[in-house]
Amino acid sequence: MYIHNLNPTLLSLGPLEIRWYGLMYVLGFFLAIGWMYYLRKKGKLELSKDQIWDFAFYLMLGVLIGSRLFEVFWEPMYYLSNPLNFLKIWQGGMSFHGGFVGIVTAAYFYCKKHKLNFWKMADILSIPTLFALALGRIANFINGELIGRPFQGKWCVVFPKYDDLCRHPSTLYAAGKRFIITGWLFILTFWKSFRPGFIFWNFVFWEGLGRFIVDFYRSENIYYFNNTFTMGQILSSIMIVVALYFFIKNHQNDWRKIFSK
């Protein structure tokens, strides 16, 4: 058993606070840039250095706006009663599915504007995006939010600001499965040559499946379909189905490459 007593603030300088949650988003931004620089050096990405920074800025705006807008949809009274809460991203409250829609939308418009292959860019961005999302879940744990269901086990965690129950560290489960999926995407990137989009749909499928499973260990306030599934699981189910559709339609040969000798 572990009693959660982590400080969400990394550093305080008078009125200025540097929080772990916000730091993870900044780190994710630079991870995406570093990854694109690396692939550019390897000849796998035909973008100038200025274009890389420009593209990364588009992506950051997309993920911030998308993830926040979805949170407004889930909790309208909290944000509409005080619109400034919309800007307080360092306090948490960033929807994964909203961020996913936002970053895909931003990437699509950037690629269309600059006549880039969207699916190729989606493959490239899948690794730093998922790795940054894993770091974000660690930040959620540091914040002591998105608590798990009650559980009595050696690794259960008590979150005193909620209650004295021992619970699943569901945010760490989510971080762990994202690190594993990131490793799989990294292997695919350098293993064989696949049709553009294959790595991205692997990201969508495995992240959707992982989120669907992990949500069974997460404490949620709203359930649907006879109090069985969360909204996160419903949206993740859509991700799974759409990914399977594109696997069947466009990537059967890619799966054959994986399972062939």
Protein backbone atom coordinates (compact mmCIF):
# COMPACT_ATOMS: atom_id res chain seq x y z
CA MET A 1 0.00 0.00 0.00
CA TYR A 2 1.16 3.51 -0.83
CA ILE A 3 -0.32 6.74 0.55
CA HIS A 4 -0.24 9.39 -2.16
CA ASN A 5 1.55 12.53 -0.96
CA LEU A 6 3.20 13.79 -4.15
CA ASN A 7 3.31 17.51 -4.82
CA PRO A 8 1.90 18.45 -8.24
CA THR A 9 4.07 21.56 -8.23
CA LEU A 10 7.68 20.98 -9.26
CA LEU A 11 8.90 24.50 -8.51
CA SER A 12 7.42 27.67 -7.00
CA LEU A 13 8.93 31.06 -7.73
CA GLY A 14 6.67 33.53 -5.98
CA PRO A 15 3.40 33.67 -7.94
CA LEU A 16 4.91 31.50 -10.68
CA GLU A 17 4.42 27.76 -10.42
CA ILE A 18 5.90 25.06 -12.61
CA ARG A 19 3.65 22.01 -12.42
CA TRP A 20 4.44 18.49 -13.51
CA TYR A 21 1.31 18.36 -15.68
CA GLY A 22 2.19 21.41 -17.75
CA LEU A 23 5.82 20.32 -17.93
CA MET A 24 4.77 17.04 -19.56
CA TYR A 25 3.03 18.93 -22.38
CA VAL A 26 6.13 21.04 -22.95
CA LEU A 27 8.27 17.89 -22.94
CA GLY A 28 5.88 16.27 -25.43
CA PHE A 29 6.29 19.28 -27.72
CA PHE A 30 10.08 18.95 -27.74
CA LEU A 31 9.89 15.17 -28.07
CA ALA A 32 7.93 15.59 -31.30
CA ILE A 33 10.49 18.09 -32.59
CA GLY A 34 13.43 15.89 -31.60
CA TRP A 35 11.87 12.85 -33.25
CA MET A 36 11.25 14.73 -36.50
CA TYR A 37 14.82 16.08 -36.45
CA TYR A 38 16.11 12.53 -36.01
CA LEU A 39 14.04 11.17 -38.91
CA ARG A 40 15.07 14.14 -41.06
CA LYS A 41 18.70 13.27 -40.41
CA LYS A 42 17.99 9.63 -41.36
CA GLY A 43 16.38 10.75 -44.62
CA LYS A 44 12.90 9.57 -43.59
CA LEU A 45 11.37 13.06 -43.38
CA GLU A 46 11.55 15.75 -46.03
CA LEU A 47 10.89 18.87 -43.98
CA SER A 48 13.15 21.82 -43.32
CA LYS A 49 14.04 22.73 -39.74
CA ASP A 50 11.70 25.72 -39.89
CA GLN A 51 8.86 23.52 -41.16
CA ILE A 52 9.40 21.09 -38.30
CA TRP A 53 8.98 23.85 -35.72
CA ASP A 54 5.98 25.23 -37.61
CA PHE A 55 4.37 21.79 -37.77
CA ALA A 56 5.00 21.14 -34.08
CA PHE A 57 3.31 24.44 -33.21
CA TYR A 58 0.22 23.39 -35.21
CA LEU A 59 0.15 20.10 -33.32
CA MET A 60 0.48 21.75 -29.91
CA LEU A 61 -2.43 24.07 -30.65
CA GLY A 62 -4.49 21.14 -31.92
CA VAL A 63 -3.96 18.98 -28.85
CA LEU A 64 -4.54 21.82 -26.38
CA ILE A 65 -7.70 23.13 -28.03
CA GLY A 66 -9.16 19.71 -28.80
CA SER A 67 -8.55 18.21 -25.36
CA ARG A 68 -9.96 21.27 -23.61
CA LEU A 69 -13.06 21.52 -25.81
CA PHE A 70 -13.98 17.92 -25.03
CA GLU A 71 -13.64 18.66 -21.32
CA VAL A 72 -16.04 21.59 -21.73
CA PHE A 73 -18.49 19.20 -23.37
CA TRP A 74 -18.22 16.73 -20.44
CA GLU A 75 -18.35 19.38 -17.70
CA PRO A 76 -20.09 22.45 -19.20
CA MET A 77 -21.18 24.02 -15.91
CA TYR A 78 -17.67 23.98 -14.45
CA TYR A 79 -16.19 25.84 -17.42
CA LEU A 80 -19.12 28.07 -18.36
CA SER A 81 -19.51 29.28 -14.78
CA ASN A 82 -15.91 30.54 -14.90
CA PRO A 83 -14.53 30.71 -18.47
CA LEU A 84 -11.00 31.33 -17.16
CA ASN A 85 -10.94 27.68 -16.07
CA PHE A 86 -10.63 26.85 -19.77
CA LEU A 87 -7.09 28.28 -19.75
CA LYS A 88 -5.87 26.51 -16.59
CA ILE A 89 -4.42 23.48 -18.33
CA TRP A 90 -1.79 23.06 -15.62
CA GLN A 91 -4.57 21.89 -13.29
CA GLY A 92 -5.34 18.87 -15.47
CA GLY A 93 -8.62 18.14 -17.19
CA MET A 94 -7.32 17.35 -20.68
CA SER A 95 -9.42 14.81 -22.57
CA PHE A 96 -7.39 12.18 -24.43
CA HIS A 97 -10.03 11.70 -27.12
CA GLY A 98 -10.36 15.45 -27.59
CA GLY A 99 -6.60 15.84 -27.86
CA PHE A 100 -6.49 12.98 -30.36
CA VAL A 101 -9.13 14.62 -32.56
CA GLY A 102 -7.38 17.97 -32.21
CA ILE A 103 -3.92 16.77 -33.17
CA VAL A 104 -5.21 14.72 -36.12
CA THR A 105 -7.20 17.71 -37.37
CA ALA A 106 -4.22 20.05 -37.03
CA ALA A 107 -1.93 17.58 -38.82
CA TYR A 108 -4.46 17.12 -41.63
CA PHE A 109 -4.78 20.84 -42.35
CA TYR A 110 -1.02 21.38 -42.14
CA CYS A 111 -0.36 18.51 -44.54
CA LYS A 112 -3.03 19.76 -46.92
CA LYS A 113 -1.61 23.27 -46.85
CA HIS A 114 1.95 22.11 -47.55
CA LYS A 115 1.03 19.19 -49.86
CA LEU A 116 2.46 16.51 -47.56
CA ASN A 117 1.40 12.87 -47.32
CA PHE A 118 -0.91 12.91 -44.31
CA TRP A 119 -0.66 9.17 -43.61
CA LYS A 120 3.14 9.25 -43.67
CA MET A 121 3.16 12.17 -41.23
CA ALA A 122 0.58 10.42 -39.04
CA ASP A 123 2.90 7.40 -38.82
CA ILE A 124 5.84 9.61 -37.88
CA LEU A 125 3.93 11.46 -35.16
CA SER A 126 2.41 8.36 -33.56
CA ILE A 127 5.52 7.53 -31.51
CA PRO A 128 6.20 10.92 -29.83
CA THR A 129 2.47 11.49 -29.36
CA LEU A 130 1.91 8.23 -27.53
CA PHE A 131 5.08 8.59 -25.48
CA ALA A 132 4.00 12.09 -24.41
CA LEU A 133 0.54 10.73 -23.51
CA ALA A 134 2.22 8.14 -21.29
CA LEU A 135 4.11 10.91 -19.52
CA GLY A 136 0.81 12.76 -19.17
CA ARG A 137 -0.70 9.83 -17.27
CA ILE A 138 2.28 9.87 -14.92
CA ALA A 139 1.55 13.55 -14.34
CA ASN A 140 -2.08 12.61 -13.62
CA PHE A 141 -0.80 10.24 -10.93
CA ILE A 142 1.40 12.97 -9.45
CA ASN A 143 -1.67 15.24 -9.37
CA GLY A 144 -3.58 12.50 -7.55
CA GLU A 145 -6.43 12.58 -10.08
CA LEU A 146 -8.33 10.06 -12.21
CA ILE A 147 -8.30 7.67 -9.28
CA GLY A 148 -8.89 3.96 -9.63
CA ARG A 149 -11.53 1.69 -8.17
CA PRO A 150 -11.19 0.39 -4.59
CA PHE A 151 -8.74 -2.49 -4.44
CA GLN A 152 -6.92 -4.34 -1.69
CA GLY A 153 -3.51 -5.40 -2.93
CA LYS A 154 0.19 -4.83 -2.38
CA TRP A 155 0.35 -2.04 -4.97
CA CYS A 156 -2.89 -0.23 -4.07
CA VAL A 157 -2.76 3.53 -3.43
CA VAL A 158 -4.64 5.75 -0.99
CA PHE A 159 -5.51 9.23 -2.28
CA PRO A 160 -6.18 11.20 0.94
CA LYS A 161 -7.78 14.17 -0.81
CA TYR A 162 -10.60 11.84 -1.93
CA ASP A 163 -11.03 9.30 0.87
CA ASP A 164 -9.16 6.66 2.87
CA LEU A 165 -9.84 3.76 0.49
CA CYS A 166 -6.99 1.90 -1.16
CA ARG A 167 -7.37 1.96 -4.94
CA HIS A 168 -5.95 0.77 -8.24
CA PRO A 169 -3.26 3.17 -9.56
CA SER A 170 -5.15 3.24 -12.85
CA THR A 171 -3.19 6.17 -14.26
CA LEU A 172 0.02 4.15 -13.91
CA TYR A 173 -1.67 1.24 -15.70
CA ALA A 174 -2.52 3.64 -18.52
CA ALA A 175 1.04 4.98 -18.63
CA GLY A 176 2.48 1.46 -18.70
CA LYS A 177 0.36 0.24 -21.60
CA ARG A 178 1.20 3.40 -23.55
CA PHE A 179 4.93 2.84 -23.06
CA ILE A 180 4.46 -0.74 -24.32
CA ILE A 181 2.53 0.42 -27.40
CA THR A 182 5.18 3.08 -28.07
CA GLY A 183 7.78 0.31 -28.11
CA TRP A 184 5.71 -1.64 -30.63
CA LEU A 185 5.34 1.39 -32.90
CA PHE A 186 9.08 2.00 -32.68
CA ILE A 187 9.74 -1.58 -33.78
CA LEU A 188 7.34 -1.19 -36.72
CA THR A 189 9.05 2.04 -37.78
CA PHE A 190 12.46 0.40 -38.29
CA TRP A 191 11.48 -3.23 -38.90
CA LYS A 192 10.01 -3.37 -42.38
CA SER A 193 8.52 -1.07 -44.98
CA PHE A 194 4.77 -0.66 -44.52
CA ARG A 195 2.10 1.22 -46.40
CA PRO A 196 1.68 4.77 -45.01
CA GLY A 197 -0.97 4.80 -42.27
CA PHE A 198 -0.23 1.33 -40.89
CA ILE A 199 1.71 2.55 -37.86
CA PHE A 200 -0.91 5.23 -37.18
CA TRP A 201 -3.75 2.69 -37.21
CA ASN A 202 -1.72 0.47 -34.90
CA PHE A 203 -1.58 3.46 -32.57
CA VAL A 204 -5.35 3.96 -32.83
CA PHE A 205 -6.23 0.29 -32.37
CA TRP A 206 -3.93 -0.58 -29.47
CA GLU A 207 -4.52 2.68 -27.63
CA GLY A 208 -8.28 2.24 -28.00
CA LEU A 209 -8.12 -1.36 -26.79
CA GLY A 210 -5.83 -0.45 -23.90
CA ARG A 211 -8.05 2.43 -22.79
CA PHE A 212 -11.12 0.19 -22.96
CA ILE A 213 -9.45 -2.33 -20.62
CA VAL A 214 -7.87 0.16 -18.21
CA ASP A 215 -11.16 2.00 -17.69
CA PHE A 216 -12.50 -1.07 -15.87
CA TYR A 217 -9.98 -0.22 -13.13
CA ARG A 218 -10.73 3.51 -13.13
CA SER A 219 -13.31 5.23 -10.95
CA GLU A 220 -15.74 7.17 -13.13
CA ASN A 221 -18.86 9.13 -12.28
CA ILE A 222 -20.90 8.50 -15.43
CA TYR A 223 -21.67 5.11 -16.99
CA TYR A 224 -23.86 4.16 -19.92
CA PHE A 225 -25.62 1.01 -21.15
CA ASN A 226 -26.96 -0.18 -17.80
CA ASN A 227 -24.04 1.35 -15.90
CA THR A 228 -21.57 -0.91 -17.70
CA PHE A 229 -19.34 1.30 -19.88
CA THR A 230 -17.79 4.74 -19.49
CA MET A 231 -17.83 7.40 -22.18
CA GLY A 232 -14.08 6.79 -22.58
CA GLN A 233 -14.78 3.13 -23.35
CA ILE A 234 -17.49 4.02 -25.85
CA LEU A 235 -15.19 6.41 -27.72
CA SER A 236 -12.36 3.87 -27.53
CA SER A 237 -14.64 1.24 -29.04
CA ILE A 238 -15.15 3.55 -32.01
CA MET A 239 -11.37 3.85 -32.34
CA ILE A 240 -11.03 0.06 -32.36
CA VAL A 241 -13.73 -0.46 -34.98
CA VAL A 242 -12.41 2.28 -37.29
CA ALA A 243 -8.85 0.93 -37.01
CA LEU A 244 -10.03 -2.59 -37.84
CA TYR A 245 -11.88 -1.23 -40.87
CA PHE A 246 -8.69 0.37 -42.24
CA PHE A 247 -6.62 -2.70 -41.40
CA ILE A 248 -8.96 -4.82 -43.51
CA LYS A 249 -9.33 -2.26 -46.28
CA ASN A 250 -5.74 -1.06 -46.70
CA HIS A 251 -3.29 -3.05 -44.62
CA GLN A 252 -3.84 -6.78 -44.99
CA ASN A 253 -0.51 -7.13 -46.79
CA ASP A 254 1.22 -5.23 -44.00
CA TRP A 255 -0.03 -7.74 -41.43
CA ARG A 256 1.14 -10.58 -43.69
CA LYS A 257 4.62 -9.01 -43.67
CA ILE A 258 4.67 -9.14 -39.88
CA PHE A 259 3.67 -12.79 -39.65
CA SER A 260 5.76 -13.99 -42.61
CA LYS A 261 9.20 -15.43 -42.03
